Protein backbone atom coordinates (compact mmCIF):
# COMPACT_ATOMS: atom_id res chain seq x y z
CA UNK A 1 0.00 0.00 0.00
CA UNK A 2 1.34 3.42 -0.87
CA UNK A 3 0.08 6.89 -0.12
CA UNK A 4 -1.28 9.28 -2.76
CA UNK A 5 1.86 11.37 -2.34
CA UNK A 6 4.06 8.35 -3.03
CA UNK A 7 1.99 7.44 -6.10
CA UNK A 8 2.42 10.97 -7.44
CA UNK A 9 6.17 10.88 -6.76
CA UNK A 10 6.64 7.96 -9.17
CA UNK A 11 4.22 9.13 -11.87
CA UNK A 12 5.92 9.10 -15.30
CA UNK A 13 9.16 7.77 -13.77
CA UNK A 14 10.52 4.52 -12.46
CA UNK A 15 8.43 2.76 -9.83
CA UNK A 16 11.08 3.03 -7.12
CA UNK A 17 9.84 4.67 -3.94
CA UNK A 18 12.19 6.89 -2.00
CA UNK A 19 10.16 6.64 1.20
CA UNK A 20 8.82 3.58 3.00
CA UNK A 21 5.16 2.71 2.40
CA UNK A 22 2.96 2.94 5.49
CA UNK A 23 2.06 -0.76 5.26
CA UNK A 24 3.54 -3.83 3.59
CA UNK A 25 1.71 -7.16 3.36
CA UNK A 26 3.44 -10.43 2.52
CA UNK A 27 1.51 -13.61 1.77
CA UNK A 28 3.43 -16.71 2.81
CA UNK A 29 3.81 -19.64 0.44
CA UNK A 30 5.70 -22.89 1.05
CA UNK A 31 8.68 -21.52 -0.90
CA UNK A 32 8.87 -18.20 0.99
CA UNK A 33 8.40 -19.12 4.66
CA UNK A 34 11.91 -18.28 5.85
CA UNK A 35 12.18 -15.21 3.66
CA UNK A 36 8.81 -13.77 4.79
CA UNK A 37 9.32 -14.42 8.50
CA UNK A 38 13.04 -13.66 8.79
CA UNK A 39 14.86 -12.02 5.90
CA UNK A 40 12.20 -9.54 4.85
CA UNK A 41 11.53 -8.34 8.38
CA UNK A 42 15.11 -7.12 8.75
CA UNK A 43 15.04 -5.57 5.26
CA UNK A 44 11.77 -3.76 5.97
CA UNK A 45 13.01 -2.53 9.35
CA UNK A 46 16.10 -1.09 7.68
CA UNK A 47 13.82 0.69 5.15
CA UNK A 48 11.74 2.14 8.00
CA UNK A 49 8.47 0.33 7.20
CA UNK A 50 6.37 1.06 10.30
CA UNK A 51 3.82 -1.74 9.87
CA UNK A 52 4.29 -5.07 8.11
CA UNK A 53 1.75 -7.90 7.92
CA UNK A 54 2.64 -11.53 7.35
CA UNK A 55 -0.47 -13.29 6.07
CA UNK A 56 0.11 -17.02 6.44
CA UNK A 57 -2.57 -19.18 4.79
CA UNK A 58 -0.50 -22.27 5.64
CA UNK A 59 -1.12 -21.69 9.38
CA UNK A 60 -4.23 -19.47 9.11
CA UNK A 61 -2.65 -16.60 10.99
CA UNK A 62 -1.91 -12.95 10.42
CA UNK A 63 1.18 -11.55 12.13
CA UNK A 64 1.22 -7.78 12.51
CA UNK A 65 4.73 -6.42 12.93
CA UNK A 66 5.16 -2.90 14.32
CA UNK A 67 8.53 -1.18 14.12
CA UNK A 68 9.88 -0.24 17.54
CA UNK A 69 13.43 1.11 17.92
CA UNK A 70 14.70 -0.60 14.77
CA UNK A 71 13.08 -4.01 15.22
CA UNK A 72 9.58 -5.42 15.00
CA UNK A 73 7.22 -6.29 17.82
CA UNK A 74 4.99 -9.05 16.51
CA UNK A 75 1.38 -9.83 17.39
CA UNK A 76 -0.32 -12.93 15.96
CA UNK A 77 -4.04 -12.98 15.14
CA UNK A 78 -6.02 -16.14 14.38
CA UNK A 79 -9.64 -17.17 13.99
CA UNK A 80 -12.16 -14.55 15.12
CA UNK A 81 -9.56 -12.27 16.69
CA UNK A 82 -9.86 -8.74 15.36
CA UNK A 83 -6.65 -7.58 13.72
CA UNK A 84 -5.22 -4.52 15.46
CA UNK A 85 -3.51 -2.15 13.05
CA UNK A 86 -1.64 1.00 14.03
CA UNK A 87 -1.89 2.26 10.46
CA UNK A 88 -5.61 1.51 10.10
CA UNK A 89 -7.00 2.00 13.60
CA UNK A 90 -10.58 1.95 12.28
CA UNK A 91 -10.11 -1.51 10.71
CA UNK A 92 -12.69 -4.11 11.78
CA UNK A 93 -11.34 -7.25 10.19
CA UNK A 94 -10.67 -10.65 11.73
CA UNK A 95 -8.02 -13.14 10.71
CA UNK A 96 -10.77 -15.54 9.64
CA UNK A 97 -12.22 -12.88 7.32
CA UNK A 98 -8.82 -12.46 5.65
CA UNK A 99 -8.69 -16.16 4.82
CA UNK A 100 -12.36 -16.36 3.80
CA UNK A 101 -12.01 -13.64 1.16
């Protein structure tokens, strides 16, 4: 997800953002488990991504990672638990709804 300002900044140019998007979402597949849970979290922290979701259909869980002093604090949501998002405080979405869509 990128902001309107970020979209305008790459209009008619390369699609490389110079600022971190407010939210990144990764969907885990069998081939990307280690990369999504380990490698990408350190890359995204270095880029300054404040909120990063790991949507894992293999384990039916959504992990919300919030950047705190250079590393992520992770909260796991499953089933009917409402996902708590710092970026989208008004969000009323459960983990189960993510996987039912």
